[in-house]
Amino acid sequence: MADEIVLLSIWPSMFGMRVRVALAEKGLKYEYKEEDLQNKSPLLLMMNPVHKKIPVLIHNGKPISESMIIVEYIDEVWNHKSPLLPTDPYQRAQARFWADYVDKKLYDIGKKIIWSIKGEEETGKKEFIECLKLLEGELGDNPYFGGENFGFVDVSLVTFSCWFHTYESYGNFSIETECPKLVAWTKRCLEKESVSSSLADPHKIHNFASGVRKRLGIE
């Protein structure tokens, strides 16, 4: 019997895109259901009753929540191809550490740039660049954060890249100027079909953010 896989998410979510990339890396077919976070579906509320957030992966009727937990689940269940986590316990721990760093730092700092009142985004911009520079240092001269192979940390970070244009627009800075190796890494990742087919268009993201800012009275 074939696996039944359903993904609940919203199209601009970098967290939902992570799951899409992981599923694509494994060559898995799935049903995608777009959610409306202003009017959450009964299915989402049933499958994630604790946080009531996307993304949620439903595998044969069983829900898994939180994007990197989902990515790790996908890697463990469908371990026949494209491993995302290394086999060495220390390297696995390091990969989890950096993915956790992205989760705890980058999203919240990025919000300061996009959703702040004009004039207050400078603090967020400074912290955001510092965060990216630290990640660029961890990448070093490797093709990917996983070394020679695209892996767990790459999945965690690459989906933020389709928001880079929006961060730059509202923060008035250039990520390529500040972190050229990181931008080169992004372009390398986008050469992979699993990534390019899973990420939203940066200009659509910008239009989405602009619409939200208008509703919030920021612009």
N, C-alpha and C. Protein backbone atom coordinates (compact mmCIF):
# COMPACT_ATOMS: atom_id res chain seq x y z
N MET A 1 0.84 -1.19 0.00
CA MET A 1 0.00 0.00 0.00
C MET A 1 0.88 1.26 0.00
N ALA A 2 0.57 2.20 -0.91
CA ALA A 2 1.37 3.41 -1.03
C ALA A 2 1.16 4.32 0.17
N ASP A 3 2.22 5.06 0.53
CA ASP A 3 2.12 6.02 1.62
C ASP A 3 1.18 7.16 1.23
N GLU A 4 0.35 7.56 2.16
CA GLU A 4 -0.50 8.73 1.96
C GLU A 4 0.15 9.91 2.69
N ILE A 5 0.57 10.89 1.93
CA ILE A 5 1.29 12.04 2.50
C ILE A 5 0.54 13.32 2.16
N VAL A 6 0.23 14.09 3.19
CA VAL A 6 -0.46 15.37 3.01
C VAL A 6 0.34 16.45 3.73
N LEU A 7 0.51 17.59 3.08
CA LEU A 7 1.20 18.73 3.71
C LEU A 7 0.22 19.89 3.84
N LEU A 8 0.09 20.39 5.07
CA LEU A 8 -0.71 21.58 5.34
C LEU A 8 0.25 22.75 5.54
N SER A 9 0.07 23.81 4.75
CA SER A 9 0.97 24.95 4.88
C SER A 9 0.34 26.17 4.21
N ILE A 10 1.11 27.25 4.12
CA ILE A 10 0.74 28.41 3.32
C ILE A 10 1.91 28.69 2.39
N TRP A 11 1.62 29.20 1.22
CA TRP A 11 2.66 29.28 0.18
C TRP A 11 3.86 30.17 0.54
N PRO A 12 3.71 31.29 1.32
CA PRO A 12 4.91 32.10 1.58
C PRO A 12 5.77 31.58 2.72
N SER A 13 5.34 30.54 3.41
CA SER A 13 6.04 30.09 4.62
C SER A 13 7.36 29.42 4.31
N MET A 14 8.45 29.99 4.83
CA MET A 14 9.76 29.36 4.65
C MET A 14 9.82 28.02 5.40
N PHE A 15 8.97 27.89 6.42
CA PHE A 15 8.94 26.64 7.19
C PHE A 15 8.24 25.54 6.39
N GLY A 16 7.15 25.90 5.73
CA GLY A 16 6.49 24.93 4.86
C GLY A 16 7.36 24.55 3.68
N MET A 17 8.11 25.52 3.16
CA MET A 17 9.01 25.24 2.03
C MET A 17 10.09 24.24 2.41
N ARG A 18 10.52 24.26 3.65
CA ARG A 18 11.51 23.28 4.11
C ARG A 18 10.99 21.85 3.88
N VAL A 19 9.74 21.65 4.23
CA VAL A 19 9.14 20.32 4.09
C VAL A 19 9.04 19.95 2.61
N ARG A 20 8.67 20.92 1.79
CA ARG A 20 8.59 20.69 0.35
C ARG A 20 9.95 20.25 -0.21
N VAL A 21 11.02 20.95 0.22
CA VAL A 21 12.37 20.61 -0.25
C VAL A 21 12.73 19.19 0.16
N ALA A 22 12.48 18.85 1.41
CA ALA A 22 12.82 17.50 1.91
C ALA A 22 12.04 16.43 1.16
N LEU A 23 10.75 16.66 0.93
CA LEU A 23 9.94 15.69 0.19
C LEU A 23 10.45 15.55 -1.24
N ALA A 24 10.84 16.67 -1.85
CA ALA A 24 11.37 16.63 -3.22
C ALA A 24 12.71 15.90 -3.28
N GLU A 25 13.55 16.13 -2.26
CA GLU A 25 14.85 15.43 -2.20
C GLU A 25 14.65 13.91 -2.18
N LYS A 26 13.60 13.48 -1.53
CA LYS A 26 13.32 12.05 -1.41
C LYS A 26 12.49 11.52 -2.58
N GLY A 27 12.05 12.42 -3.46
CA GLY A 27 11.27 12.00 -4.61
C GLY A 27 9.87 11.53 -4.25
N LEU A 28 9.28 12.12 -3.22
CA LEU A 28 7.99 11.67 -2.72
C LEU A 28 6.84 12.50 -3.28
N LYS A 29 5.77 11.83 -3.64
CA LYS A 29 4.56 12.51 -4.08
C LYS A 29 3.66 12.74 -2.87
N TYR A 30 2.98 13.89 -2.87
CA TYR A 30 2.16 14.23 -1.71
C TYR A 30 1.03 15.16 -2.14
N GLU A 31 0.04 15.26 -1.29
CA GLU A 31 -1.05 16.20 -1.52
C GLU A 31 -0.78 17.47 -0.71
N TYR A 32 -0.87 18.61 -1.39
CA TYR A 32 -0.65 19.88 -0.71
C TYR A 32 -1.99 20.57 -0.46
N LYS A 33 -2.19 21.04 0.77
CA LYS A 33 -3.41 21.77 1.10
C LYS A 33 -3.04 23.14 1.66
N GLU A 34 -3.44 24.17 0.94
CA GLU A 34 -3.17 25.55 1.34
C GLU A 34 -4.10 25.94 2.48
N GLU A 35 -3.52 26.48 3.54
CA GLU A 35 -4.31 26.90 4.69
C GLU A 35 -4.58 28.41 4.64
N ASP A 36 -5.61 28.82 5.34
CA ASP A 36 -5.90 30.23 5.57
C ASP A 36 -5.74 30.47 7.06
N LEU A 37 -4.67 31.16 7.44
CA LEU A 37 -4.38 31.31 8.87
C LEU A 37 -5.36 32.25 9.57
N GLN A 38 -6.15 33.00 8.79
CA GLN A 38 -7.21 33.82 9.40
C GLN A 38 -8.46 32.99 9.65
N ASN A 39 -8.52 31.85 9.00
CA ASN A 39 -9.68 30.96 9.13
C ASN A 39 -9.17 29.52 9.03
N LYS A 40 -8.52 29.06 10.10
CA LYS A 40 -7.84 27.77 10.08
C LYS A 40 -8.83 26.62 9.89
N SER A 41 -8.42 25.66 9.07
CA SER A 41 -9.30 24.55 8.73
C SER A 41 -9.49 23.62 9.92
N PRO A 42 -10.61 22.92 9.97
CA PRO A 42 -10.82 21.91 11.02
C PRO A 42 -9.72 20.84 11.00
N LEU A 43 -9.20 20.54 9.79
CA LEU A 43 -8.14 19.54 9.68
C LEU A 43 -6.88 20.01 10.39
N LEU A 44 -6.48 21.28 10.18
CA LEU A 44 -5.29 21.81 10.84
C LEU A 44 -5.47 21.81 12.36
N LEU A 45 -6.63 22.25 12.82
CA LEU A 45 -6.88 22.32 14.27
C LEU A 45 -6.91 20.93 14.88
N MET A 46 -7.34 19.94 14.11
CA MET A 46 -7.37 18.57 14.60
C MET A 46 -5.97 17.95 14.61
N MET A 47 -5.19 18.26 13.57
CA MET A 47 -3.88 17.64 13.42
C MET A 47 -2.79 18.32 14.24
N ASN A 48 -2.99 19.59 14.57
CA ASN A 48 -2.02 20.30 15.43
C ASN A 48 -2.80 21.07 16.49
N PRO A 49 -3.43 20.37 17.42
CA PRO A 49 -4.28 21.03 18.42
C PRO A 49 -3.49 21.84 19.45
N VAL A 50 -2.20 21.56 19.60
CA VAL A 50 -1.39 22.25 20.61
C VAL A 50 -1.03 23.66 20.13
N HIS A 51 -0.34 23.75 18.99
CA HIS A 51 0.13 25.05 18.50
C HIS A 51 -0.79 25.67 17.44
N LYS A 52 -1.55 24.78 16.77
CA LYS A 52 -2.48 25.25 15.71
C LYS A 52 -1.73 26.01 14.62
N LYS A 53 -0.52 25.56 14.31
CA LYS A 53 0.32 26.23 13.32
C LYS A 53 0.66 25.31 12.16
N ILE A 54 1.05 25.95 11.06
CA ILE A 54 1.61 25.20 9.93
C ILE A 54 3.13 25.28 10.02
N PRO A 55 3.86 24.37 9.37
CA PRO A 55 3.35 23.27 8.56
C PRO A 55 3.02 22.05 9.41
N VAL A 56 2.17 21.20 8.85
CA VAL A 56 1.88 19.90 9.43
C VAL A 56 1.99 18.87 8.31
N LEU A 57 2.74 17.82 8.55
CA LEU A 57 2.80 16.70 7.62
C LEU A 57 1.91 15.59 8.18
N ILE A 58 1.04 15.07 7.34
CA ILE A 58 0.17 13.96 7.75
C ILE A 58 0.60 12.74 6.96
N HIS A 59 1.14 11.76 7.64
CA HIS A 59 1.64 10.54 7.00
C HIS A 59 0.75 9.37 7.41
N ASN A 60 0.01 8.86 6.46
CA ASN A 60 -0.94 7.77 6.73
C ASN A 60 -1.84 8.09 7.92
N GLY A 61 -2.31 9.34 7.95
CA GLY A 61 -3.26 9.75 8.98
C GLY A 61 -2.65 10.25 10.27
N LYS A 62 -1.32 10.14 10.39
CA LYS A 62 -0.65 10.56 11.62
C LYS A 62 0.07 11.90 11.40
N PRO A 63 -0.17 12.89 12.26
CA PRO A 63 0.43 14.21 12.07
C PRO A 63 1.80 14.37 12.71
N ILE A 64 2.66 15.14 12.02
CA ILE A 64 3.95 15.54 12.57
C ILE A 64 4.05 17.06 12.39
N SER A 65 4.41 17.76 13.46
CA SER A 65 4.46 19.22 13.43
C SER A 65 5.89 19.73 13.66
N GLU A 66 6.09 21.00 13.40
CA GLU A 66 7.37 21.73 13.51
C GLU A 66 8.28 21.32 12.34
N SER A 67 8.66 22.31 11.53
CA SER A 67 9.29 22.03 10.24
C SER A 67 10.53 21.15 10.29
N MET A 68 11.48 21.44 11.19
CA MET A 68 12.71 20.64 11.18
C MET A 68 12.50 19.26 11.81
N ILE A 69 11.51 19.14 12.67
CA ILE A 69 11.13 17.81 13.18
C ILE A 69 10.55 17.00 12.03
N ILE A 70 9.75 17.67 11.19
CA ILE A 70 9.18 17.00 10.02
C ILE A 70 10.29 16.58 9.06
N VAL A 71 11.24 17.48 8.81
CA VAL A 71 12.35 17.17 7.89
C VAL A 71 13.13 15.96 8.41
N GLU A 72 13.40 15.93 9.70
CA GLU A 72 14.13 14.79 10.27
C GLU A 72 13.31 13.51 10.16
N TYR A 73 12.01 13.62 10.38
CA TYR A 73 11.12 12.46 10.23
C TYR A 73 11.18 11.92 8.80
N ILE A 74 11.08 12.82 7.83
CA ILE A 74 11.15 12.42 6.42
C ILE A 74 12.47 11.71 6.13
N ASP A 75 13.56 12.25 6.68
CA ASP A 75 14.88 11.67 6.44
C ASP A 75 15.00 10.27 7.03
N GLU A 76 14.36 10.06 8.18
CA GLU A 76 14.44 8.75 8.84
C GLU A 76 13.53 7.72 8.20
N VAL A 77 12.33 8.14 7.82
CA VAL A 77 11.36 7.19 7.27
C VAL A 77 11.74 6.78 5.85
N TRP A 78 12.13 7.76 5.04
CA TRP A 78 12.48 7.48 3.65
C TRP A 78 14.00 7.62 3.50
N ASN A 79 14.71 6.68 4.08
CA ASN A 79 16.17 6.76 4.14
C ASN A 79 16.86 6.05 2.97
N HIS A 80 16.09 5.77 1.92
CA HIS A 80 16.63 5.03 0.77
C HIS A 80 17.45 5.91 -0.17
N LYS A 81 17.26 7.24 -0.08
CA LYS A 81 18.01 8.13 -0.98
C LYS A 81 18.17 9.50 -0.35
N SER A 82 19.15 10.24 -0.85
CA SER A 82 19.41 11.64 -0.46
C SER A 82 19.38 11.87 1.05
N PRO A 83 20.29 11.22 1.81
CA PRO A 83 20.30 11.44 3.26
C PRO A 83 20.57 12.90 3.59
N LEU A 84 19.81 13.45 4.53
CA LEU A 84 19.96 14.86 4.90
C LEU A 84 20.81 15.05 6.14
N LEU A 85 20.72 14.11 7.06
CA LEU A 85 21.55 14.16 8.27
C LEU A 85 22.73 13.20 8.12
N PRO A 86 23.92 13.61 8.59
CA PRO A 86 25.09 12.71 8.50
C PRO A 86 24.93 11.51 9.43
N THR A 87 25.70 10.47 9.16
CA THR A 87 25.62 9.25 9.97
C THR A 87 26.42 9.39 11.26
N ASP A 88 27.48 10.20 11.24
CA ASP A 88 28.32 10.39 12.43
C ASP A 88 27.55 11.15 13.51
N PRO A 89 27.50 10.62 14.74
CA PRO A 89 26.71 11.25 15.81
C PRO A 89 27.12 12.70 16.09
N TYR A 90 28.42 12.99 16.08
CA TYR A 90 28.87 14.36 16.34
C TYR A 90 28.42 15.30 15.23
N GLN A 91 28.59 14.87 13.99
CA GLN A 91 28.18 15.70 12.87
C GLN A 91 26.67 15.91 12.86
N ARG A 92 25.92 14.88 13.26
CA ARG A 92 24.46 15.02 13.35
C ARG A 92 24.09 16.07 14.40
N ALA A 93 24.79 16.02 15.53
CA ALA A 93 24.54 16.99 16.60
C ALA A 93 24.84 18.40 16.12
N GLN A 94 25.94 18.57 15.39
CA GLN A 94 26.32 19.88 14.87
C GLN A 94 25.27 20.40 13.88
N ALA A 95 24.80 19.51 13.02
CA ALA A 95 23.77 19.91 12.05
C ALA A 95 22.51 20.36 12.77
N ARG A 96 22.11 19.64 13.80
CA ARG A 96 20.92 20.02 14.57
C ARG A 96 21.15 21.36 15.26
N PHE A 97 22.36 21.59 15.75
CA PHE A 97 22.69 22.84 16.43
C PHE A 97 22.48 24.02 15.49
N TRP A 98 23.03 23.95 14.27
CA TRP A 98 22.96 25.08 13.35
C TRP A 98 21.55 25.27 12.81
N ALA A 99 20.83 24.18 12.60
CA ALA A 99 19.43 24.31 12.19
C ALA A 99 18.61 24.98 13.30
N ASP A 100 18.92 24.65 14.54
CA ASP A 100 18.25 25.27 15.69
C ASP A 100 18.61 26.75 15.78
N TYR A 101 19.86 27.07 15.46
CA TYR A 101 20.30 28.47 15.47
C TYR A 101 19.49 29.28 14.44
N VAL A 102 19.33 28.73 13.26
CA VAL A 102 18.53 29.40 12.22
C VAL A 102 17.11 29.62 12.73
N ASP A 103 16.53 28.59 13.34
CA ASP A 103 15.16 28.68 13.86
C ASP A 103 15.02 29.75 14.94
N LYS A 104 15.97 29.81 15.84
CA LYS A 104 15.84 30.69 17.00
C LYS A 104 16.28 32.12 16.72
N LYS A 105 17.07 32.32 15.69
CA LYS A 105 17.63 33.65 15.44
C LYS A 105 17.07 34.34 14.20
N LEU A 106 17.21 33.68 13.06
CA LEU A 106 17.02 34.37 11.78
C LEU A 106 15.59 34.87 11.59
N TYR A 107 14.60 34.04 11.88
CA TYR A 107 13.21 34.42 11.63
C TYR A 107 12.81 35.62 12.49
N ASP A 108 13.11 35.56 13.78
CA ASP A 108 12.71 36.64 14.68
C ASP A 108 13.44 37.94 14.37
N ILE A 109 14.72 37.84 14.00
CA ILE A 109 15.47 39.05 13.65
C ILE A 109 14.93 39.63 12.34
N GLY A 110 14.62 38.75 11.40
CA GLY A 110 14.08 39.20 10.12
C GLY A 110 12.77 39.94 10.27
N LYS A 111 11.97 39.53 11.25
CA LYS A 111 10.69 40.21 11.50
C LYS A 111 10.90 41.66 11.88
N LYS A 112 12.01 41.95 12.55
CA LYS A 112 12.30 43.33 12.96
C LYS A 112 12.51 44.22 11.74
N ILE A 113 13.01 43.64 10.65
CA ILE A 113 13.25 44.42 9.44
C ILE A 113 11.95 44.67 8.69
N ILE A 114 11.16 43.61 8.54
CA ILE A 114 9.98 43.68 7.67
C ILE A 114 8.77 44.30 8.35
N TRP A 115 8.58 43.96 9.62
CA TRP A 115 7.33 44.37 10.27
C TRP A 115 7.49 45.54 11.24
N SER A 116 8.66 46.18 11.24
CA SER A 116 8.87 47.33 12.13
C SER A 116 8.39 48.62 11.48
N ILE A 117 8.05 49.58 12.31
CA ILE A 117 7.71 50.92 11.83
C ILE A 117 8.99 51.54 11.26
N LYS A 118 8.83 52.32 10.21
CA LYS A 118 9.99 52.93 9.53
C LYS A 118 10.88 53.65 10.53
N GLY A 119 12.18 53.34 10.45
CA GLY A 119 13.14 53.94 11.36
C GLY A 119 13.59 52.98 12.44
N GLU A 120 12.78 51.92 12.67
CA GLU A 120 13.11 50.95 13.71
C GLU A 120 13.76 49.68 13.14
N GLU A 121 13.91 49.65 11.80
CA GLU A 121 14.45 48.44 11.18
C GLU A 121 15.97 48.37 11.24
N GLU A 122 16.63 49.49 11.63
CA GLU A 122 18.10 49.52 11.63
C GLU A 122 18.69 48.49 12.60
N THR A 123 18.09 48.37 13.77
CA THR A 123 18.58 47.39 14.76
C THR A 123 18.46 45.99 14.20
N GLY A 124 17.31 45.70 13.60
CA GLY A 124 17.09 44.38 13.02
C GLY A 124 18.07 44.09 11.90
N LYS A 125 18.34 45.10 11.07
CA LYS A 125 19.27 44.93 9.95
C LYS A 125 20.66 44.56 10.45
N LYS A 126 21.14 45.26 11.46
CA LYS A 126 22.46 45.00 12.01
C LYS A 126 22.55 43.57 12.56
N GLU A 127 21.54 43.16 13.31
CA GLU A 127 21.53 41.82 13.89
C GLU A 127 21.41 40.75 12.80
N PHE A 128 20.62 41.05 11.78
CA PHE A 128 20.40 40.10 10.69
C PHE A 128 21.70 39.84 9.94
N ILE A 129 22.42 40.92 9.63
CA ILE A 129 23.70 40.78 8.91
C ILE A 129 24.70 40.00 9.76
N GLU A 130 24.75 40.29 11.06
CA GLU A 130 25.65 39.57 11.96
C GLU A 130 25.33 38.08 11.96
N CYS A 131 24.06 37.77 11.97
CA CYS A 131 23.61 36.38 11.97
C CYS A 131 24.02 35.67 10.68
N LEU A 132 23.82 36.35 9.55
CA LEU A 132 24.20 35.76 8.26
C LEU A 132 25.70 35.59 8.15
N LYS A 133 26.47 36.54 8.66
CA LYS A 133 27.93 36.44 8.61
C LYS A 133 28.43 35.24 9.43
N LEU A 134 27.78 35.00 10.56
CA LEU A 134 28.15 33.86 11.39
C LEU A 134 27.86 32.56 10.64
N LEU A 135 26.72 32.50 9.97
CA LEU A 135 26.37 31.32 9.19
C LEU A 135 27.32 31.16 8.00
N GLU A 136 27.71 32.27 7.39
CA GLU A 136 28.65 32.23 6.28
C GLU A 136 30.00 31.68 6.74
N GLY A 137 30.40 32.05 7.96
CA GLY A 137 31.64 31.53 8.53
C GLY A 137 31.57 30.03 8.76
N GLU A 138 30.41 29.55 9.17
CA GLU A 138 30.22 28.11 9.37
C GLU A 138 30.27 27.37 8.04
N LEU A 139 29.71 27.98 7.01
CA LEU A 139 29.75 27.38 5.67
C LEU A 139 31.19 27.26 5.18
N GLY A 140 31.98 28.31 5.43
CA GLY A 140 33.38 28.30 5.00
C GLY A 140 33.50 28.20 3.49
N ASP A 141 34.42 27.36 3.02
CA ASP A 141 34.62 27.17 1.59
C ASP A 141 33.93 25.92 1.07
N ASN A 142 33.06 25.34 1.88
CA ASN A 142 32.34 24.13 1.47
C ASN A 142 31.23 24.48 0.48
N PRO A 143 30.91 23.56 -0.40
CA PRO A 143 29.78 23.79 -1.31
C PRO A 143 28.45 23.92 -0.55
N TYR A 144 28.31 23.09 0.49
CA TYR A 144 27.09 23.09 1.30
C TYR A 144 27.44 23.03 2.78
N PHE A 145 26.47 23.34 3.62
CA PHE A 145 26.71 23.24 5.06
C PHE A 145 26.99 21.78 5.46
N GLY A 146 26.48 20.85 4.67
CA GLY A 146 26.75 19.44 4.92
C GLY A 146 28.05 18.96 4.30
N GLY A 147 28.91 19.89 3.89
CA GLY A 147 30.17 19.51 3.25
C GLY A 147 29.99 19.45 1.74
N GLU A 148 30.23 18.29 1.17
CA GLU A 148 30.09 18.13 -0.28
C GLU A 148 28.64 17.88 -0.68
N ASN A 149 27.81 17.52 0.29
CA ASN A 149 26.44 17.14 -0.03
C ASN A 149 25.42 18.08 0.62
N PHE A 150 24.37 18.36 -0.11
CA PHE A 150 23.23 19.14 0.38
C PHE A 150 22.60 18.39 1.55
N GLY A 151 22.35 19.10 2.66
CA GLY A 151 21.87 18.39 3.84
C GLY A 151 20.94 19.19 4.73
N PHE A 152 20.88 18.79 5.97
CA PHE A 152 19.91 19.25 6.97
C PHE A 152 19.95 20.77 7.18
N VAL A 153 21.14 21.32 7.39
CA VAL A 153 21.28 22.76 7.62
C VAL A 153 20.94 23.54 6.35
N ASP A 154 21.31 23.01 5.21
CA ASP A 154 20.97 23.65 3.94
C ASP A 154 19.45 23.78 3.80
N VAL A 155 18.74 22.71 4.13
CA VAL A 155 17.28 22.73 4.06
C VAL A 155 16.72 23.79 5.01
N SER A 156 17.30 23.89 6.19
CA SER A 156 16.78 24.83 7.20
C SER A 156 16.93 26.28 6.78
N LEU A 157 18.01 26.58 6.05
CA LEU A 157 18.33 27.98 5.72
C LEU A 157 17.92 28.41 4.32
N VAL A 158 17.98 27.51 3.35
CA VAL A 158 17.81 27.93 1.96
C VAL A 158 16.43 28.51 1.69
N THR A 159 15.43 28.11 2.45
CA THR A 159 14.08 28.63 2.19
C THR A 159 13.93 30.09 2.60
N PHE A 160 14.85 30.58 3.42
CA PHE A 160 14.85 32.01 3.77
C PHE A 160 15.30 32.85 2.57
N SER A 161 16.00 32.23 1.63
CA SER A 161 16.60 32.99 0.53
C SER A 161 15.54 33.65 -0.35
N CYS A 162 14.35 33.06 -0.45
CA CYS A 162 13.32 33.70 -1.29
C CYS A 162 12.71 34.91 -0.58
N TRP A 163 13.06 35.10 0.69
CA TRP A 163 12.68 36.31 1.43
C TRP A 163 13.80 37.35 1.44
N PHE A 164 14.99 37.00 0.92
CA PHE A 164 16.13 37.92 0.96
C PHE A 164 15.80 39.25 0.28
N HIS A 165 15.15 39.19 -0.88
CA HIS A 165 14.81 40.42 -1.61
C HIS A 165 13.95 41.34 -0.75
N THR A 166 13.03 40.75 0.02
CA THR A 166 12.14 41.54 0.88
C THR A 166 12.92 42.14 2.04
N TYR A 167 13.80 41.34 2.66
CA TYR A 167 14.64 41.86 3.74
C TYR A 167 15.48 43.03 3.24
N GLU A 168 16.08 42.85 2.06
CA GLU A 168 16.94 43.89 1.48
C GLU A 168 16.14 45.15 1.16
N SER A 169 14.96 44.97 0.63
CA SER A 169 14.12 46.10 0.23
C SER A 169 13.74 46.97 1.42
N TYR A 170 13.29 46.34 2.50
CA TYR A 170 12.85 47.11 3.66
C TYR A 170 14.00 47.50 4.59
N GLY A 171 15.10 46.77 4.51
CA GLY A 171 16.25 47.10 5.35
C GLY A 171 17.26 47.99 4.66
N ASN A 172 17.11 48.14 3.32
CA ASN A 172 18.00 48.97 2.53
C ASN A 172 19.46 48.52 2.65
N PHE A 173 19.70 47.27 2.30
CA PHE A 173 21.06 46.73 2.30
C PHE A 173 21.14 45.61 1.27
N SER A 174 22.36 45.16 0.99
CA SER A 174 22.59 44.10 0.01
C SER A 174 23.23 42.89 0.70
N ILE A 175 22.54 41.77 0.67
CA ILE A 175 23.08 40.56 1.29
C ILE A 175 24.30 40.08 0.51
N GLU A 176 24.27 40.25 -0.82
CA GLU A 176 25.42 39.82 -1.62
C GLU A 176 26.67 40.63 -1.29
N THR A 177 26.50 41.91 -1.02
CA THR A 177 27.65 42.74 -0.62
C THR A 177 28.19 42.31 0.73
N GLU A 178 27.29 42.03 1.66
CA GLU A 178 27.68 41.66 3.02
C GLU A 178 28.17 40.22 3.13
N CYS A 179 27.53 39.32 2.39
CA CYS A 179 27.82 37.88 2.54
C CYS A 179 27.87 37.20 1.16
N PRO A 180 28.91 37.50 0.36
CA PRO A 180 28.97 36.96 -0.99
C PRO A 180 29.01 35.44 -1.07
N LYS A 181 29.69 34.80 -0.12
CA LYS A 181 29.76 33.33 -0.15
C LYS A 181 28.40 32.70 0.13
N LEU A 182 27.63 33.36 0.99
CA LEU A 182 26.30 32.84 1.32
C LEU A 182 25.37 32.96 0.11
N VAL A 183 25.49 34.05 -0.62
CA VAL A 183 24.67 34.22 -1.82
C VAL A 183 25.09 33.22 -2.90
N ALA A 184 26.39 32.96 -3.01
CA ALA A 184 26.87 31.95 -3.95
C ALA A 184 26.32 30.57 -3.58
N TRP A 185 26.28 30.29 -2.28
CA TRP A 185 25.70 29.03 -1.79
C TRP A 185 24.21 28.95 -2.15
N THR A 186 23.49 30.07 -2.01
CA THR A 186 22.06 30.10 -2.36
C THR A 186 21.88 29.74 -3.83
N LYS A 187 22.68 30.36 -4.70
CA LYS A 187 22.58 30.09 -6.14
C LYS A 187 22.90 28.63 -6.45
N ARG A 188 23.86 28.08 -5.72
CA ARG A 188 24.22 26.67 -5.89
C ARG A 188 23.05 25.77 -5.50
N CYS A 189 22.42 26.10 -4.41
CA CYS A 189 21.26 25.32 -3.95
C CYS A 189 20.12 25.39 -4.96
N LEU A 190 19.92 26.58 -5.54
CA LEU A 190 18.82 26.78 -6.49
C LEU A 190 19.03 26.02 -7.80
N GLU A 191 20.25 25.53 -8.01
CA GLU A 191 20.50 24.69 -9.19
C GLU A 191 19.88 23.31 -9.01
N LYS A 192 19.54 22.98 -7.77
CA LYS A 192 18.89 21.69 -7.50
C LYS A 192 17.39 21.82 -7.75
N GLU A 193 16.84 20.89 -8.50
CA GLU A 193 15.41 20.90 -8.81
C GLU A 193 14.56 20.85 -7.55
N SER A 194 15.03 20.10 -6.56
CA SER A 194 14.28 19.98 -5.30
C SER A 194 14.11 21.31 -4.60
N VAL A 195 15.07 22.21 -4.79
CA VAL A 195 15.01 23.53 -4.16
C VAL A 195 14.25 24.51 -5.03
N SER A 196 14.64 24.62 -6.30
CA SER A 196 14.03 25.62 -7.19
C SER A 196 12.54 25.39 -7.36
N SER A 197 12.10 24.13 -7.33
CA SER A 197 10.68 23.83 -7.51
C SER A 197 9.88 24.01 -6.22
N SER A 198 10.56 24.18 -5.10
CA SER A 198 9.89 24.25 -3.80
C SER A 198 9.80 25.65 -3.22
N LEU A 199 10.65 26.56 -3.71
CA LEU A 199 10.70 27.91 -3.15
C LEU A 199 9.77 28.86 -3.90
N ALA A 200 9.16 29.77 -3.16
CA ALA A 200 8.28 30.77 -3.75
C ALA A 200 9.09 31.83 -4.50
N ASP A 201 8.44 32.50 -5.44
CA ASP A 201 9.08 33.57 -6.19
C ASP A 201 9.35 34.76 -5.27
N PRO A 202 10.59 35.27 -5.24
CA PRO A 202 10.94 36.37 -4.34
C PRO A 202 10.08 37.63 -4.51
N HIS A 203 9.67 37.92 -5.75
CA HIS A 203 8.86 39.11 -5.99
C HIS A 203 7.43 38.92 -5.48
N LYS A 204 6.93 37.70 -5.56
CA LYS A 204 5.61 37.42 -5.00
C LYS A 204 5.66 37.53 -3.48
N ILE A 205 6.78 37.09 -2.89
CA ILE A 205 6.97 37.22 -1.45
C ILE A 205 6.95 38.70 -1.06
N HIS A 206 7.64 39.52 -1.84
CA HIS A 206 7.68 40.96 -1.55
C HIS A 206 6.29 41.57 -1.63
N ASN A 207 5.52 41.19 -2.64
CA ASN A 207 4.15 41.69 -2.77
C ASN A 207 3.29 41.24 -1.60
N PHE A 208 3.49 40.01 -1.17
CA PHE A 208 2.75 39.48 -0.02
C PHE A 208 3.07 40.30 1.23
N ALA A 209 4.38 40.52 1.47
CA ALA A 209 4.81 41.28 2.65
C ALA A 209 4.27 42.71 2.60
N SER A 210 4.28 43.31 1.42
CA SER A 210 3.78 44.67 1.26
C SER A 210 2.30 44.74 1.62
N GLY A 211 1.54 43.74 1.19
CA GLY A 211 0.12 43.69 1.51
C GLY A 211 -0.13 43.57 3.00
N VAL A 212 0.68 42.73 3.67
CA VAL A 212 0.55 42.56 5.12
C VAL A 212 0.91 43.86 5.83
N ARG A 213 1.98 44.52 5.37
CA ARG A 213 2.39 45.80 5.99
C ARG A 213 1.29 46.86 5.87
N LYS A 214 0.63 46.88 4.74
CA LYS A 214 -0.46 47.84 4.56
C LYS A 214 -1.61 47.54 5.52
N ARG A 215 -1.92 46.26 5.67
CA ARG A 215 -3.00 45.88 6.60
C ARG A 215 -2.64 46.22 8.04
N LEU A 216 -1.34 46.14 8.35
CA LEU A 216 -0.88 46.45 9.70
C LEU A 216 -0.69 47.95 9.92
N GLY A 217 -0.81 48.72 8.84
CA GLY A 217 -0.65 50.17 8.95
C GLY A 217 0.80 50.62 9.00
N ILE A 218 1.72 49.74 8.56
CA ILE A 218 3.14 50.09 8.57
C ILE A 218 3.50 50.93 7.35
N GLU A 219 2.80 50.69 6.24
CA GLU A 219 3.09 51.49 5.02
C GLU A 219 1.79 51.88 4.35
